[in-house]
Amino acid sequence: MRQLGAILTAITLATLGTASEAQERQPFHVAEFPDNRIISLAILMSEASADLQFDYDVEVELTEQDPGGQTIFADYGHHLVRVRCTAPKAVKVGSVLYKLETPAVADDWKGDLWKTLCFQPVS
């Protein structure tokens, strides 16, 4: 089981590494607000977690765009998030642990991040 986890991690890191080298990162979560502003969250970096209670350590960036698609704010603060794929599924931001519901709540960035990392297709 541990070997399968290592293989999945390697595949995920290779996929994310390729995506992170692209000029524009694909967001894992997008939220549109009533004034038509769009907030996107994307993965800057992902690696096996240094904390054995989690599977991934991820750095997340936030971008805000106006209704015309122009970037009006980009936060490249390298916000560290930890993700646990197995039960109890969780996302940890700073010292706050968010346990994820099953199924994940719609329009929740933590659930979208979990799905992006933990639902990698296996062939």
N, C-alpha and C. Protein backbone atom coordinates (compact mmCIF):
# COMPACT_ATOMS: atom_id res chain seq x y z
N MET A 1 0.83 -1.19 0.00
CA MET A 1 0.00 0.00 0.00
C MET A 1 0.88 1.25 0.00
N ARG A 2 1.95 1.22 0.77
CA ARG A 2 2.87 2.36 0.84
C ARG A 2 3.51 2.60 -0.52
N GLN A 3 3.83 1.48 -1.23
CA GLN A 3 4.44 1.59 -2.55
C GLN A 3 3.47 2.24 -3.54
N LEU A 4 2.20 1.89 -3.46
CA LEU A 4 1.19 2.50 -4.32
C LEU A 4 1.12 4.00 -4.05
N GLY A 5 1.17 4.37 -2.79
CA GLY A 5 1.15 5.80 -2.43
C GLY A 5 2.35 6.53 -3.02
N ALA A 6 3.52 5.90 -2.99
CA ALA A 6 4.72 6.52 -3.55
C ALA A 6 4.59 6.68 -5.06
N ILE A 7 4.01 5.69 -5.72
CA ILE A 7 3.82 5.77 -7.17
C ILE A 7 2.84 6.89 -7.51
N LEU A 8 1.73 6.96 -6.78
CA LEU A 8 0.75 8.01 -7.01
C LEU A 8 1.35 9.39 -6.77
N THR A 9 2.17 9.51 -5.74
CA THR A 9 2.83 10.78 -5.46
C THR A 9 3.74 11.16 -6.61
N ALA A 10 4.51 10.21 -7.12
CA ALA A 10 5.42 10.49 -8.23
C ALA A 10 4.66 10.94 -9.46
N ILE A 11 3.54 10.26 -9.76
CA ILE A 11 2.73 10.64 -10.92
C ILE A 11 2.15 12.03 -10.73
N THR A 12 1.63 12.31 -9.54
CA THR A 12 1.04 13.62 -9.26
C THR A 12 2.09 14.71 -9.37
N LEU A 13 3.25 14.48 -8.79
CA LEU A 13 4.31 15.50 -8.84
C LEU A 13 4.77 15.75 -10.27
N ALA A 14 4.86 14.71 -11.06
CA ALA A 14 5.25 14.88 -12.46
C ALA A 14 4.20 15.69 -13.21
N THR A 15 2.94 15.39 -12.97
CA THR A 15 1.85 16.11 -13.63
C THR A 15 1.83 17.56 -13.18
N LEU A 16 1.93 17.79 -11.87
CA LEU A 16 1.89 19.16 -11.36
C LEU A 16 3.14 19.93 -11.77
N GLY A 17 4.28 19.25 -11.82
CA GLY A 17 5.50 19.92 -12.25
C GLY A 17 5.38 20.44 -13.66
N THR A 18 4.81 19.63 -14.54
CA THR A 18 4.61 20.06 -15.92
C THR A 18 3.65 21.24 -15.97
N ALA A 19 2.57 21.17 -15.22
CA ALA A 19 1.59 22.26 -15.21
C ALA A 19 2.19 23.53 -14.60
N SER A 20 3.03 23.38 -13.57
CA SER A 20 3.57 24.56 -12.91
C SER A 20 4.60 25.27 -13.77
N GLU A 21 5.15 24.57 -14.76
CA GLU A 21 6.12 25.20 -15.64
C GLU A 21 5.42 26.02 -16.73
N ALA A 22 4.15 25.79 -16.91
CA ALA A 22 3.40 26.55 -17.91
C ALA A 22 3.25 27.99 -17.42
N GLN A 23 3.08 28.93 -18.36
CA GLN A 23 2.97 30.32 -17.96
C GLN A 23 1.77 30.56 -17.06
N GLU A 24 0.63 30.01 -17.42
CA GLU A 24 -0.55 30.16 -16.60
C GLU A 24 -0.87 28.82 -15.96
N ARG A 25 -0.99 28.83 -14.64
CA ARG A 25 -1.34 27.60 -13.94
C ARG A 25 -2.84 27.38 -14.02
N GLN A 26 -3.23 26.12 -14.11
CA GLN A 26 -4.64 25.78 -14.13
C GLN A 26 -5.18 25.88 -12.70
N PRO A 27 -6.23 26.63 -12.49
CA PRO A 27 -6.78 26.72 -11.13
C PRO A 27 -7.48 25.43 -10.72
N PHE A 28 -7.40 25.11 -9.44
CA PHE A 28 -8.16 23.98 -8.91
C PHE A 28 -9.49 24.46 -8.34
N HIS A 29 -9.63 25.78 -8.15
CA HIS A 29 -10.88 26.33 -7.62
C HIS A 29 -11.07 27.73 -8.19
N VAL A 30 -12.29 28.01 -8.65
CA VAL A 30 -12.64 29.33 -9.18
C VAL A 30 -13.95 29.75 -8.55
N ALA A 31 -13.99 31.00 -8.06
CA ALA A 31 -15.21 31.54 -7.48
C ALA A 31 -15.54 32.87 -8.16
N GLU A 32 -16.80 32.99 -8.61
CA GLU A 32 -17.24 34.24 -9.23
C GLU A 32 -18.17 34.95 -8.26
N PHE A 33 -17.96 36.26 -8.10
CA PHE A 33 -18.72 37.06 -7.15
C PHE A 33 -19.78 37.88 -7.87
N PRO A 34 -20.78 38.41 -7.14
CA PRO A 34 -21.87 39.16 -7.77
C PRO A 34 -21.41 40.33 -8.64
N ASP A 35 -20.27 40.94 -8.34
CA ASP A 35 -19.77 42.05 -9.16
C ASP A 35 -18.92 41.55 -10.34
N ASN A 36 -18.99 40.23 -10.61
CA ASN A 36 -18.30 39.57 -11.72
C ASN A 36 -16.78 39.46 -11.54
N ARG A 37 -16.27 39.77 -10.36
CA ARG A 37 -14.86 39.49 -10.09
C ARG A 37 -14.70 37.99 -9.96
N ILE A 38 -13.54 37.50 -10.36
CA ILE A 38 -13.25 36.07 -10.29
C ILE A 38 -11.99 35.87 -9.45
N ILE A 39 -12.10 34.99 -8.47
CA ILE A 39 -10.95 34.61 -7.64
C ILE A 39 -10.58 33.18 -8.02
N SER A 40 -9.30 32.97 -8.36
CA SER A 40 -8.81 31.65 -8.73
C SER A 40 -7.72 31.22 -7.76
N LEU A 41 -7.73 29.96 -7.42
CA LEU A 41 -6.67 29.36 -6.60
C LEU A 41 -5.96 28.31 -7.44
N ALA A 42 -4.64 28.35 -7.44
CA ALA A 42 -3.85 27.39 -8.22
C ALA A 42 -2.70 26.85 -7.38
N ILE A 43 -2.23 25.68 -7.74
CA ILE A 43 -1.11 25.04 -7.05
C ILE A 43 0.20 25.54 -7.65
N LEU A 44 1.04 26.10 -6.80
CA LEU A 44 2.38 26.53 -7.21
C LEU A 44 3.37 25.37 -7.13
N MET A 45 3.23 24.55 -6.07
CA MET A 45 4.16 23.47 -5.81
C MET A 45 3.44 22.40 -5.02
N SER A 46 3.79 21.15 -5.26
CA SER A 46 3.25 20.04 -4.50
C SER A 46 4.34 19.01 -4.31
N GLU A 47 4.44 18.49 -3.08
CA GLU A 47 5.42 17.45 -2.80
C GLU A 47 4.90 16.57 -1.68
N ALA A 48 5.52 15.42 -1.49
CA ALA A 48 5.15 14.55 -0.39
C ALA A 48 5.31 15.33 0.91
N SER A 49 4.35 15.17 1.80
CA SER A 49 4.34 15.96 3.03
C SER A 49 5.49 15.60 3.96
N ALA A 50 6.03 16.62 4.59
CA ALA A 50 7.05 16.42 5.61
C ALA A 50 6.41 15.91 6.90
N ASP A 51 5.10 16.11 7.05
CA ASP A 51 4.34 15.63 8.21
C ASP A 51 3.74 14.28 7.85
N LEU A 52 4.10 13.24 8.55
CA LEU A 52 3.66 11.88 8.22
C LEU A 52 2.16 11.68 8.36
N GLN A 53 1.44 12.63 8.97
CA GLN A 53 -0.01 12.53 9.09
C GLN A 53 -0.73 13.00 7.83
N PHE A 54 0.04 13.55 6.87
CA PHE A 54 -0.54 14.10 5.65
C PHE A 54 0.16 13.49 4.44
N ASP A 55 -0.48 13.61 3.28
CA ASP A 55 0.07 13.06 2.06
C ASP A 55 0.83 14.10 1.24
N TYR A 56 0.33 15.34 1.22
CA TYR A 56 0.92 16.38 0.37
C TYR A 56 1.14 17.67 1.15
N ASP A 57 2.22 18.34 0.82
CA ASP A 57 2.45 19.74 1.19
C ASP A 57 2.32 20.51 -0.11
N VAL A 58 1.47 21.52 -0.11
CA VAL A 58 1.15 22.26 -1.32
C VAL A 58 1.29 23.75 -1.05
N GLU A 59 1.83 24.48 -2.03
CA GLU A 59 1.83 25.93 -1.97
C GLU A 59 0.77 26.43 -2.94
N VAL A 60 -0.06 27.34 -2.47
CA VAL A 60 -1.21 27.83 -3.23
C VAL A 60 -1.06 29.31 -3.51
N GLU A 61 -1.46 29.71 -4.72
CA GLU A 61 -1.50 31.13 -5.07
C GLU A 61 -2.94 31.55 -5.33
N LEU A 62 -3.21 32.83 -5.12
CA LEU A 62 -4.53 33.40 -5.34
C LEU A 62 -4.43 34.50 -6.39
N THR A 63 -5.36 34.50 -7.33
CA THR A 63 -5.40 35.54 -8.36
C THR A 63 -6.82 36.09 -8.44
N GLU A 64 -6.93 37.41 -8.54
CA GLU A 64 -8.23 38.06 -8.71
C GLU A 64 -8.26 38.73 -10.08
N GLN A 65 -9.36 38.52 -10.80
CA GLN A 65 -9.52 39.12 -12.13
C GLN A 65 -10.79 39.95 -12.17
N ASP A 66 -10.75 41.01 -12.99
CA ASP A 66 -11.94 41.83 -13.18
C ASP A 66 -12.85 41.15 -14.21
N PRO A 67 -14.04 41.70 -14.44
CA PRO A 67 -14.97 41.07 -15.39
C PRO A 67 -14.40 40.89 -16.80
N GLY A 68 -13.42 41.71 -17.19
CA GLY A 68 -12.82 41.59 -18.52
C GLY A 68 -11.69 40.58 -18.59
N GLY A 69 -11.38 39.92 -17.46
CA GLY A 69 -10.33 38.91 -17.45
C GLY A 69 -8.95 39.42 -17.13
N GLN A 70 -8.84 40.71 -16.82
CA GLN A 70 -7.54 41.29 -16.47
C GLN A 70 -7.22 40.99 -15.00
N THR A 71 -5.98 40.61 -14.73
CA THR A 71 -5.56 40.36 -13.35
C THR A 71 -5.46 41.69 -12.62
N ILE A 72 -6.19 41.80 -11.50
CA ILE A 72 -6.12 43.02 -10.70
C ILE A 72 -5.38 42.78 -9.38
N PHE A 73 -5.19 41.52 -9.04
CA PHE A 73 -4.42 41.19 -7.84
C PHE A 73 -3.89 39.77 -7.98
N ALA A 74 -2.62 39.59 -7.68
CA ALA A 74 -2.03 38.25 -7.66
C ALA A 74 -1.23 38.11 -6.37
N ASP A 75 -1.61 37.14 -5.57
CA ASP A 75 -0.94 36.87 -4.30
C ASP A 75 -0.06 35.65 -4.48
N TYR A 76 1.23 35.88 -4.61
CA TYR A 76 2.18 34.78 -4.78
C TYR A 76 2.87 34.49 -3.46
N GLY A 77 2.11 34.55 -2.36
CA GLY A 77 2.67 34.43 -1.02
C GLY A 77 3.09 33.03 -0.62
N HIS A 78 2.94 32.05 -1.50
CA HIS A 78 3.35 30.67 -1.20
C HIS A 78 2.71 30.18 0.10
N HIS A 79 1.40 30.14 0.11
CA HIS A 79 0.64 29.70 1.28
C HIS A 79 0.69 28.19 1.39
N LEU A 80 1.24 27.67 2.48
CA LEU A 80 1.40 26.24 2.68
C LEU A 80 0.10 25.61 3.15
N VAL A 81 -0.29 24.55 2.48
CA VAL A 81 -1.48 23.78 2.82
C VAL A 81 -1.07 22.31 2.84
N ARG A 82 -1.54 21.57 3.84
CA ARG A 82 -1.29 20.13 3.90
C ARG A 82 -2.58 19.39 3.61
N VAL A 83 -2.47 18.28 2.89
CA VAL A 83 -3.64 17.52 2.47
C VAL A 83 -3.48 16.06 2.88
N ARG A 84 -4.54 15.51 3.50
CA ARG A 84 -4.58 14.09 3.83
C ARG A 84 -5.65 13.44 2.96
N CYS A 85 -5.25 12.45 2.17
CA CYS A 85 -6.17 11.79 1.24
C CYS A 85 -7.01 10.70 1.89
N THR A 86 -6.48 10.05 2.93
CA THR A 86 -7.16 8.93 3.56
C THR A 86 -7.97 9.42 4.76
N ALA A 87 -8.88 8.58 5.22
CA ALA A 87 -9.76 8.95 6.34
C ALA A 87 -8.96 9.15 7.62
N PRO A 88 -9.28 10.17 8.37
CA PRO A 88 -10.25 11.22 8.05
C PRO A 88 -9.63 12.22 7.07
N LYS A 89 -10.31 12.42 5.93
CA LYS A 89 -9.83 13.35 4.91
C LYS A 89 -9.75 14.74 5.53
N ALA A 90 -8.64 15.45 5.22
CA ALA A 90 -8.47 16.76 5.84
C ALA A 90 -7.55 17.65 5.02
N VAL A 91 -7.71 18.95 5.26
CA VAL A 91 -6.83 19.98 4.71
C VAL A 91 -6.42 20.84 5.89
N LYS A 92 -5.12 21.10 6.01
CA LYS A 92 -4.61 21.90 7.12
C LYS A 92 -3.97 23.17 6.58
N VAL A 93 -4.45 24.30 7.08
CA VAL A 93 -3.93 25.61 6.69
C VAL A 93 -3.41 26.26 7.96
N GLY A 94 -2.09 26.48 8.02
CA GLY A 94 -1.50 26.99 9.25
C GLY A 94 -1.73 25.98 10.36
N SER A 95 -2.36 26.41 11.45
CA SER A 95 -2.64 25.50 12.56
C SER A 95 -4.09 25.02 12.56
N VAL A 96 -4.87 25.40 11.55
CA VAL A 96 -6.28 25.04 11.50
C VAL A 96 -6.48 23.80 10.62
N LEU A 97 -7.09 22.78 11.21
CA LEU A 97 -7.37 21.54 10.51
C LEU A 97 -8.84 21.52 10.10
N TYR A 98 -9.09 21.36 8.79
CA TYR A 98 -10.44 21.27 8.26
C TYR A 98 -10.70 19.83 7.87
N LYS A 99 -11.61 19.16 8.59
CA LYS A 99 -12.00 17.80 8.21
C LYS A 99 -13.03 17.92 7.11
N LEU A 100 -12.84 17.14 6.05
CA LEU A 100 -13.71 17.25 4.89
C LEU A 100 -14.88 16.30 4.99
N GLU A 101 -16.03 16.79 4.57
CA GLU A 101 -17.24 15.98 4.55
C GLU A 101 -17.20 15.03 3.36
N THR A 102 -17.98 13.97 3.44
CA THR A 102 -18.13 13.05 2.32
C THR A 102 -19.60 13.01 1.96
N PRO A 103 -20.00 13.37 0.77
CA PRO A 103 -19.18 13.92 -0.31
C PRO A 103 -18.77 15.36 0.00
N ALA A 104 -17.78 15.84 -0.73
CA ALA A 104 -17.28 17.19 -0.52
C ALA A 104 -18.36 18.22 -0.79
N VAL A 105 -18.33 19.31 -0.05
CA VAL A 105 -19.28 20.40 -0.21
C VAL A 105 -18.98 21.12 -1.53
N ALA A 106 -20.02 21.43 -2.29
CA ALA A 106 -19.83 22.14 -3.56
C ALA A 106 -19.30 23.54 -3.30
N ASP A 107 -18.50 24.04 -4.22
CA ASP A 107 -17.93 25.39 -4.15
C ASP A 107 -17.03 25.62 -2.94
N ASP A 108 -16.40 24.58 -2.47
CA ASP A 108 -15.47 24.71 -1.34
C ASP A 108 -14.05 24.49 -1.84
N TRP A 109 -13.17 25.47 -1.64
CA TRP A 109 -11.82 25.37 -2.19
C TRP A 109 -11.04 24.22 -1.57
N LYS A 110 -11.30 23.91 -0.31
CA LYS A 110 -10.57 22.82 0.34
C LYS A 110 -10.94 21.47 -0.28
N GLY A 111 -12.22 21.27 -0.54
CA GLY A 111 -12.66 20.04 -1.20
C GLY A 111 -12.13 19.94 -2.62
N ASP A 112 -12.10 21.07 -3.33
CA ASP A 112 -11.57 21.07 -4.70
C ASP A 112 -10.08 20.74 -4.71
N LEU A 113 -9.33 21.27 -3.74
CA LEU A 113 -7.90 20.96 -3.65
C LEU A 113 -7.73 19.47 -3.35
N TRP A 114 -8.51 18.96 -2.41
CA TRP A 114 -8.43 17.53 -2.06
C TRP A 114 -8.70 16.67 -3.29
N LYS A 115 -9.77 16.99 -4.04
CA LYS A 115 -10.10 16.21 -5.23
C LYS A 115 -8.99 16.29 -6.28
N THR A 116 -8.40 17.46 -6.45
CA THR A 116 -7.32 17.62 -7.43
C THR A 116 -6.13 16.73 -7.10
N LEU A 117 -5.78 16.64 -5.84
CA LEU A 117 -4.61 15.85 -5.45
C LEU A 117 -4.91 14.37 -5.22
N CYS A 118 -6.07 14.09 -4.65
CA CYS A 118 -6.34 12.72 -4.19
C CYS A 118 -7.15 11.88 -5.17
N PHE A 119 -7.76 12.49 -6.17
CA PHE A 119 -8.52 11.74 -7.17
C PHE A 119 -7.76 11.64 -8.46
N GLN A 120 -6.46 11.45 -8.41
CA GLN A 120 -5.65 11.28 -9.60
C GLN A 120 -6.01 9.96 -10.24
N PRO A 121 -6.28 9.95 -11.56
CA PRO A 121 -6.61 8.68 -12.22
C PRO A 121 -5.41 7.73 -12.20
N VAL A 122 -5.71 6.45 -12.02
CA VAL A 122 -4.67 5.42 -12.02
C VAL A 122 -4.97 4.49 -13.19
N SER A 123 -3.94 4.28 -14.04
CA SER A 123 -4.18 3.39 -15.19
C SER A 123 -3.44 2.09 -15.02
